[in-house]
């Protein structure tokens, strides 16, 4: 094979690699994770975008508190990554489903308006970035801002009745458990 053909083939493969590996998503600091307009890399962009939950020691401490010390009658809400952390932990430790009491105790944040009593689990990533993640489709996520102003949690979420619309939600909360950056609030009315 000639040197010219080798250079052309190598160049084509390099460009293909840059755009399909997630490297371009990473280098351009792209934030769009709800559509696959630019392929992203879970490894390169997970911390920055929240594509997947990376459990810290503080997160695991909150998961343990929720499973073993919280009121089992109260639902647990959190973003997609927080719920995945809880279910992932329960798969590792066989007795934890008994600690949860029942599988339907876990709810994502967009279900919070319908839950009168609930714990709200914010992971270390949530509190550092002031954002939470909702699963849109397989491999796709949406990232929404939230704020805690004193004892009020305010966040933007998907309207359950009209999924293409967003609604602003506000609830009174009190902190019931904290481990470093990871925190559990309880909704109070």
C-alpha atoms as a PDB file:
ATOM      1  CA  UNK A   1       0.000   0.000   0.000  1.00  0.00           C
ATOM      2  CA  UNK A   2       1.351   3.418  -0.882  1.00  0.00           C
ATOM      3  CA  UNK A   3       2.163   6.072   1.705  1.00  0.00           C
ATOM      4  CA  UNK A   4      -0.514   8.371   0.266  1.00  0.00           C
ATOM      5  CA  UNK A   5      -3.283   5.758   0.706  1.00  0.00           C
ATOM      6  CA  UNK A   6      -2.096   5.047   4.248  1.00  0.00           C
ATOM      7  CA  UNK A   7      -2.290   8.748   5.136  1.00  0.00           C
ATOM      8  CA  UNK A   8      -5.778   9.117   3.609  1.00  0.00           C
ATOM      9  CA  UNK A   9      -7.135   6.015   5.345  1.00  0.00           C
ATOM     10  CA  UNK A  10      -5.547   7.037   8.662  1.00  0.00           C
ATOM     11  CA  UNK A  11      -7.017  10.541   8.383  1.00  0.00           C
ATOM     12  CA  UNK A  12     -10.505   9.206   7.685  1.00  0.00           C
ATOM     13  CA  UNK A  13     -10.276   6.792  10.625  1.00  0.00           C
ATOM     14  CA  UNK A  14      -8.976   9.534  12.932  1.00  0.00           C
ATOM     15  CA  UNK A  15     -11.853  11.882  12.061  1.00  0.00           C
ATOM     16  CA  UNK A  16     -14.323   9.001  12.478  1.00  0.00           C
ATOM     17  CA  UNK A  17     -12.826   8.170  15.886  1.00  0.00           C
ATOM     18  CA  UNK A  18     -12.938  11.784  17.115  1.00  0.00           C
ATOM     19  CA  UNK A  19     -16.652  12.125  16.322  1.00  0.00           C
ATOM     20  CA  UNK A  20     -17.890   8.669  17.361  1.00  0.00           C
ATOM     21  CA  UNK A  21     -15.852   8.089  20.527  1.00  0.00           C
ATOM     22  CA  UNK A  22     -17.243  11.055  22.463  1.00  0.00           C
ATOM     23  CA  UNK A  23     -13.958  12.929  22.227  1.00  0.00           C
ATOM     24  CA  UNK A  24     -15.577  15.772  20.239  1.00  0.00           C
ATOM     25  CA  UNK A  25     -18.397  15.990  22.850  1.00  0.00           C
ATOM     26  CA  UNK A  26     -15.750  16.251  25.563  1.00  0.00           C
ATOM     27  CA  UNK A  27     -13.448  18.725  23.790  1.00  0.00           C
ATOM     28  CA  UNK A  28     -16.273  21.099  22.848  1.00  0.00           C
ATOM     29  CA  UNK A  29     -17.707  20.986  26.400  1.00  0.00           C
ATOM     30  CA  UNK A  30     -21.095  19.966  25.006  1.00  0.00           C
ATOM     31  CA  UNK A  31     -23.922  19.782  27.580  1.00  0.00           C
ATOM     32  CA  UNK A  32     -26.737  18.210  25.523  1.00  0.00           C
ATOM     33  CA  UNK A  33     -27.429  14.739  26.944  1.00  0.00           C
ATOM     34  CA  UNK A  34     -31.143  14.422  26.189  1.00  0.00           C
ATOM     35  CA  UNK A  35     -30.557  13.782  22.464  1.00  0.00           C
ATOM     36  CA  UNK A  36     -27.832  11.966  20.640  1.00  0.00           C
ATOM     37  CA  UNK A  37     -26.854  14.853  18.356  1.00  0.00           C
ATOM     38  CA  UNK A  38     -23.187  14.415  19.236  1.00  0.00           C
ATOM     39  CA  UNK A  39     -22.118  11.017  20.586  1.00  0.00           C
ATOM     40  CA  UNK A  40     -20.873  11.317  24.149  1.00  0.00           C
ATOM     41  CA  UNK A  41     -18.427   9.262  26.144  1.00  0.00           C
ATOM     42  CA  UNK A  42     -19.562   7.922  29.511  1.00  0.00           C
ATOM     43  CA  UNK A  43     -15.950   7.715  30.648  1.00  0.00           C
ATOM     44  CA  UNK A  44     -14.917  11.220  29.575  1.00  0.00           C
ATOM     45  CA  UNK A  45     -18.091  13.099  30.486  1.00  0.00           C
ATOM     46  CA  UNK A  46     -19.787  11.299  33.387  1.00  0.00           C
ATOM     47  CA  UNK A  47     -18.639  13.646  36.166  1.00  0.00           C
ATOM     48  CA  UNK A  48     -19.232  16.836  34.201  1.00  0.00           C
ATOM     49  CA  UNK A  49     -22.684  15.953  32.849  1.00  0.00           C
ATOM     50  CA  UNK A  50     -24.047  13.492  35.406  1.00  0.00           C
ATOM     51  CA  UNK A  51     -24.609  10.828  32.754  1.00  0.00           C
ATOM     52  CA  UNK A  52     -24.145   8.131  35.346  1.00  0.00           C
ATOM     53  CA  UNK A  53     -24.045   8.131  39.109  1.00  0.00           C
ATOM     54  CA  UNK A  54     -20.578   7.818  40.556  1.00  0.00           C
ATOM     55  CA  UNK A  55     -21.179   6.878  44.182  1.00  0.00           C
ATOM     56  CA  UNK A  56     -18.989   8.517  46.787  1.00  0.00           C
ATOM     57  CA  UNK A  57     -18.525   7.341  50.369  1.00  0.00           C
ATOM     58  CA  UNK A  58     -20.975  10.075  51.426  1.00  0.00           C
ATOM     59  CA  UNK A  59     -23.580   8.811  48.941  1.00  0.00           C
ATOM     60  CA  UNK A  60     -23.256   5.259  50.271  1.00  0.00           C
ATOM     61  CA  UNK A  61     -23.672   6.555  53.848  1.00  0.00           C
ATOM     62  CA  UNK A  62     -26.945   8.238  52.818  1.00  0.00           C
ATOM     63  CA  UNK A  63     -28.102   5.077  51.039  1.00  0.00           C
ATOM     64  CA  UNK A  64     -27.422   3.053  54.190  1.00  0.00           C
ATOM     65  CA  UNK A  65     -29.302   5.598  56.302  1.00  0.00           C
ATOM     66  CA  UNK A  66     -32.277   5.485  53.938  1.00  0.00           C
ATOM     67  CA  UNK A  67     -32.320   1.680  53.924  1.00  0.00           C
ATOM     68  CA  UNK A  68     -31.694   0.941  57.586  1.00  0.00           C
ATOM     69  CA  UNK A  69     -32.634   3.978  59.683  1.00  0.00           C
ATOM     70  CA  UNK A  70     -35.331   5.929  57.848  1.00  0.00           C
ATOM     71  CA  UNK A  71     -39.067   5.445  58.343  1.00  0.00           C
ATOM     72  CA  UNK A  72     -39.973   2.537  55.993  1.00  0.00           C
ATOM     73  CA  UNK A  73     -43.463   3.969  55.386  1.00  0.00           C
ATOM     74  CA  UNK A  74     -42.056   7.103  53.726  1.00  0.00           C
ATOM     75  CA  UNK A  75     -41.229   7.012  50.005  1.00  0.00           C
ATOM     76  CA  UNK A  76     -37.701   7.791  48.800  1.00  0.00           C
ATOM     77  CA  UNK A  77     -37.338  10.223  45.900  1.00  0.00           C
ATOM     78  CA  UNK A  78     -34.232  11.269  44.028  1.00  0.00           C
ATOM     79  CA  UNK A  79     -32.908  11.811  40.565  1.00  0.00           C
ATOM     80  CA  UNK A  80     -32.257   8.866  38.270  1.00  0.00           C
ATOM     81  CA  UNK A  81     -28.698   8.434  39.506  1.00  0.00           C
ATOM     82  CA  UNK A  82     -29.717   8.468  43.178  1.00  0.00           C
ATOM     83  CA  UNK A  83     -32.358   5.795  42.544  1.00  0.00           C
ATOM     84  CA  UNK A  84     -29.807   3.734  40.565  1.00  0.00           C
ATOM     85  CA  UNK A  85     -27.377   4.008  43.514  1.00  0.00           C
ATOM     86  CA  UNK A  86     -30.001   2.681  45.918  1.00  0.00           C
ATOM     87  CA  UNK A  87     -31.051  -0.195  43.671  1.00  0.00           C
ATOM     88  CA  UNK A  88     -27.408  -0.973  42.868  1.00  0.00           C
ATOM     89  CA  UNK A  89     -26.584  -1.150  46.571  1.00  0.00           C
ATOM     90  CA  UNK A  90     -29.559  -3.423  47.236  1.00  0.00           C
ATOM     91  CA  UNK A  91     -28.367  -5.803  44.528  1.00  0.00           C
ATOM     92  CA  UNK A  92     -25.002  -6.105  46.291  1.00  0.00           C
ATOM     93  CA  UNK A  93     -26.433  -6.778  49.740  1.00  0.00           C
ATOM     94  CA  UNK A  94     -29.166  -9.412  49.694  1.00  0.00           C
ATOM     95  CA  UNK A  95     -30.962  -8.325  52.877  1.00  0.00           C
ATOM     96  CA  UNK A  96     -31.547  -4.725  51.833  1.00  0.00           C
ATOM     97  CA  UNK A  97     -34.812  -5.245  49.977  1.00  0.00           C
ATOM     98  CA  UNK A  98     -36.247  -6.284  53.320  1.00  0.00           C
ATOM     99  CA  UNK A  99     -34.857  -3.025  54.756  1.00  0.00           C
ATOM    100  CA  UNK A 100     -36.629  -0.996  52.069  1.00  0.00           C
ATOM    101  CA  UNK A 101     -39.850  -2.789  52.908  1.00  0.00           C
ATOM    102  CA  UNK A 102     -41.116  -2.844  49.339  1.00  0.00           C
ATOM    103  CA  UNK A 103     -39.786  -2.014  45.903  1.00  0.00           C
ATOM    104  CA  UNK A 104     -42.416   0.661  45.182  1.00  0.00           C
ATOM    105  CA  UNK A 105     -40.915   2.865  47.885  1.00  0.00           C
ATOM    106  CA  UNK A 106     -38.472   4.366  45.333  1.00  0.00           C
ATOM    107  CA  UNK A 107     -39.707   7.255  43.171  1.00  0.00           C
ATOM    108  CA  UNK A 108     -37.914   9.678  40.861  1.00  0.00           C
ATOM    109  CA  UNK A 109     -38.065  13.421  41.531  1.00  0.00           C
ATOM    110  CA  UNK A 110     -40.640  14.138  38.839  1.00  0.00           C
ATOM    111  CA  UNK A 111     -43.097  12.029  40.883  1.00  0.00           C
ATOM    112  CA  UNK A 112     -42.505  14.156  44.007  1.00  0.00           C
ATOM    113  CA  UNK A 113     -45.552  16.440  43.591  1.00  0.00           C
ATOM    114  CA  UNK A 114     -47.833  13.411  44.006  1.00  0.00           C
ATOM    115  CA  UNK A 115     -46.051  12.133  47.139  1.00  0.00           C
ATOM    116  CA  UNK A 116     -47.213  13.894  50.316  1.00  0.00           C
ATOM    117  CA  UNK A 117     -44.531  12.320  52.503  1.00  0.00           C
ATOM    118  CA  UNK A 118     -41.143  11.579  51.067  1.00  0.00           C
ATOM    119  CA  UNK A 119     -37.426  11.659  51.608  1.00  0.00           C
ATOM    120  CA  UNK A 120     -35.445  13.519  48.952  1.00  0.00           C
ATOM    121  CA  UNK A 121     -31.982  12.023  48.392  1.00  0.00           C
ATOM    122  CA  UNK A 122     -29.483  14.431  46.813  1.00  0.00           C
ATOM    123  CA  UNK A 123     -26.162  12.844  45.904  1.00  0.00           C
ATOM    124  CA  UNK A 124     -22.787  14.539  46.196  1.00  0.00           C
ATOM    125  CA  UNK A 125     -22.923  15.239  42.449  1.00  0.00           C
ATOM    126  CA  UNK A 126     -26.352  16.883  42.818  1.00  0.00           C
ATOM    127  CA  UNK A 127     -25.229  19.230  45.575  1.00  0.00           C
ATOM    128  CA  UNK A 128     -21.921  20.137  43.892  1.00  0.00           C
ATOM    129  CA  UNK A 129     -23.513  20.908  40.514  1.00  0.00           C
ATOM    130  CA  UNK A 130     -26.946  22.128  41.752  1.00  0.00           C
ATOM    131  CA  UNK A 131     -28.580  19.943  39.098  1.00  0.00           C
ATOM    132  CA  UNK A 132     -30.447  16.665  38.996  1.00  0.00           C
ATOM    133  CA  UNK A 133     -30.757  14.067  36.241  1.00  0.00           C
ATOM    134  CA  UNK A 134     -33.874  12.458  34.744  1.00  0.00           C
ATOM    135  CA  UNK A 135     -33.680   9.479  32.400  1.00  0.00           C
ATOM    136  CA  UNK A 136     -35.207  10.379  29.041  1.00  0.00           C
ATOM    137  CA  UNK A 137     -34.578   7.167  27.135  1.00  0.00           C
ATOM    138  CA  UNK A 138     -32.039   4.364  27.078  1.00  0.00           C
ATOM    139  CA  UNK A 139     -28.665   6.086  27.448  1.00  0.00           C
ATOM    140  CA  UNK A 140     -30.165   9.581  27.320  1.00  0.00           C
ATOM    141  CA  UNK A 141     -30.640  11.965  30.228  1.00  0.00           C
ATOM    142  CA  UNK A 142     -31.975  15.465  30.903  1.00  0.00           C
ATOM    143  CA  UNK A 143     -30.320  17.744  33.415  1.00  0.00           C
ATOM    144  CA  UNK A 144     -32.377  20.276  35.385  1.00  0.00           C
ATOM    145  CA  UNK A 145     -31.385  22.955  37.916  1.00  0.00           C
ATOM    146  CA  UNK A 146     -32.564  23.036  41.510  1.00  0.00           C
ATOM    147  CA  UNK A 147     -31.982  25.271  44.517  1.00  0.00           C
ATOM    148  CA  UNK A 148     -32.460  24.970  48.234  1.00  0.00           C
ATOM    149  CA  UNK A 149     -33.267  28.314  49.783  1.00  0.00           C
ATOM    150  CA  UNK A 150     -33.360  27.847  53.534  1.00  0.00           C
ATOM    151  CA  UNK A 151     -36.073  25.253  53.991  1.00  0.00           C
ATOM    152  CA  UNK A 152     -37.529  25.357  50.457  1.00  0.00           C
ATOM    153  CA  UNK A 153     -36.528  23.066  47.576  1.00  0.00           C
ATOM    154  CA  UNK A 154     -37.221  24.616  44.159  1.00  0.00           C
ATOM    155  CA  UNK A 155     -36.676  22.710  40.931  1.00  0.00           C
ATOM    156  CA  UNK A 156     -37.697  22.520  37.293  1.00  0.00           C
ATOM    157  CA  UNK A 157     -39.064  19.208  36.065  1.00  0.00           C
ATOM    158  CA  UNK A 158     -41.064  17.450  33.376  1.00  0.00           C
ATOM    159  CA  UNK A 159     -44.827  17.906  33.564  1.00  0.00           C
ATOM    160  CA  UNK A 160     -46.170  14.371  34.161  1.00  0.00           C
ATOM    161  CA  UNK A 161     -49.409  15.179  32.313  1.00  0.00           C
ATOM    162  CA  UNK A 162     -47.611  16.850  29.352  1.00  0.00           C
ATOM    163  CA  UNK A 163     -44.063  15.422  28.951  1.00  0.00           C
ATOM    164  CA  UNK A 164     -42.993  18.109  26.465  1.00  0.00           C
ATOM    165  CA  UNK A 165     -43.617  20.866  29.054  1.00  0.00           C
ATOM    166  CA  UNK A 166     -41.604  21.891  32.113  1.00  0.00           C
ATOM    167  CA  UNK A 167     -43.007  23.017  35.465  1.00  0.00           C
ATOM    168  CA  UNK A 168     -41.435  24.797  38.429  1.00  0.00           C
ATOM    169  CA  UNK A 169     -41.983  22.950  41.718  1.00  0.00           C
ATOM    170  CA  UNK A 170     -41.376  24.236  45.262  1.00  0.00           C
ATOM    171  CA  UNK A 171     -41.686  22.321  48.550  1.00  0.00           C
ATOM    172  CA  UNK A 172     -40.785  22.939  52.157  1.00  0.00           C
ATOM    173  CA  UNK A 173     -38.102  20.520  53.325  1.00  0.00           C
ATOM    174  CA  UNK A 174     -36.033  19.799  56.397  1.00  0.00           C
ATOM    175  CA  UNK A 175     -32.640  18.147  56.469  1.00  0.00           C
ATOM    176  CA  UNK A 176     -32.793  14.771  58.228  1.00  0.00           C
ATOM    177  CA  UNK A 177     -29.395  13.272  57.373  1.00  0.00           C
ATOM    178  CA  UNK A 178     -26.136  14.536  55.892  1.00  0.00           C
ATOM    179  CA  UNK A 179     -22.864  12.876  55.053  1.00  0.00           C
ATOM    180  CA  UNK A 180     -20.413  15.337  53.504  1.00  0.00           C
ATOM    181  CA  UNK A 181     -21.946  16.695  50.281  1.00  0.00           C
ATOM    182  CA  UNK A 182     -24.661  14.034  50.147  1.00  0.00           C
ATOM    183  CA  UNK A 183     -27.891  14.891  51.959  1.00  0.00           C
ATOM    184  CA  UNK A 184     -31.384  13.550  52.678  1.00  0.00           C
ATOM    185  CA  UNK A 185     -34.276  15.954  53.139  1.00  0.00           C
ATOM    186  CA  UNK A 186     -37.781  15.174  54.245  1.00  0.00           C
ATOM    187  CA  UNK A 187     -40.681  16.959  52.587  1.00  0.00           C
ATOM    188  CA  UNK A 188     -42.779  18.863  55.116  1.00  0.00           C
ATOM    189  CA  UNK A 189     -46.148  20.512  54.479  1.00  0.00           C
END
